[in-house]
Amino acid sequence: MSDLRKVIYLVLVIYLGFRGYSLFLADKPESEVMPPISEEER
């Protein structure tokens, strides 16, 4: 169970971190440093 909990925790941390980072970049007007790649993929 501990391994499963670690995997779920890692997935949640990475998912929330990616969401927060993308929202943080979206709020910043300086998107030239790192352009949103997720929008281009979709």
Protein backbone atom coordinates (compact mmCIF):
# COMPACT_ATOMS: atom_id res chain seq x y z
CA MET A 1 0.00 0.00 0.00
CA SER A 2 2.87 2.36 0.75
CA ASP A 3 4.15 2.12 -2.84
CA LEU A 4 0.68 2.80 -4.24
CA ARG A 5 0.32 5.79 -1.95
CA LYS A 6 3.71 7.12 -3.12
CA VAL A 7 2.69 6.80 -6.78
CA ILE A 8 -0.65 8.56 -6.21
CA TYR A 9 1.07 11.31 -4.20
CA LEU A 10 3.69 11.82 -6.92
CA VAL A 11 1.03 11.99 -9.64
CA LEU A 12 -1.01 14.51 -7.67
CA VAL A 13 2.05 16.66 -6.91
CA ILE A 14 3.19 16.65 -10.54
CA TYR A 15 -0.34 17.34 -11.85
CA LEU A 16 -1.04 20.17 -9.40
CA GLY A 17 2.45 21.58 -9.91
CA PHE A 18 2.04 21.57 -13.69
CA ARG A 19 -1.41 23.19 -13.43
CA GLY A 20 -0.14 25.86 -11.05
CA TYR A 21 2.96 26.50 -13.19
CA SER A 22 0.91 26.82 -16.38
CA LEU A 23 -1.55 29.19 -14.68
CA PHE A 24 1.38 31.18 -13.27
CA LEU A 25 2.90 31.53 -16.74
CA ALA A 26 -0.51 32.41 -18.21
CA ASP A 27 -0.88 35.25 -15.68
CA LYS A 28 2.60 36.60 -16.47
CA PRO A 29 2.70 38.89 -19.52
CA GLU A 30 6.23 37.65 -20.30
CA SER A 31 5.35 34.40 -22.07
CA GLU A 32 8.33 34.77 -24.41
CA VAL A 33 10.63 32.98 -21.96
CA MET A 34 8.63 29.74 -22.12
CA PRO A 35 5.79 29.68 -24.67
CA PRO A 36 2.80 27.46 -23.81
CA ILE A 37 3.50 24.14 -25.53
CA SER A 38 0.33 22.46 -24.25
CA GLU A 39 -1.85 24.78 -26.37
CA GLU A 40 0.14 23.96 -29.51
CA GLU A 41 -0.15 20.21 -28.89
CA ARG A 42 -3.92 20.47 -28.55
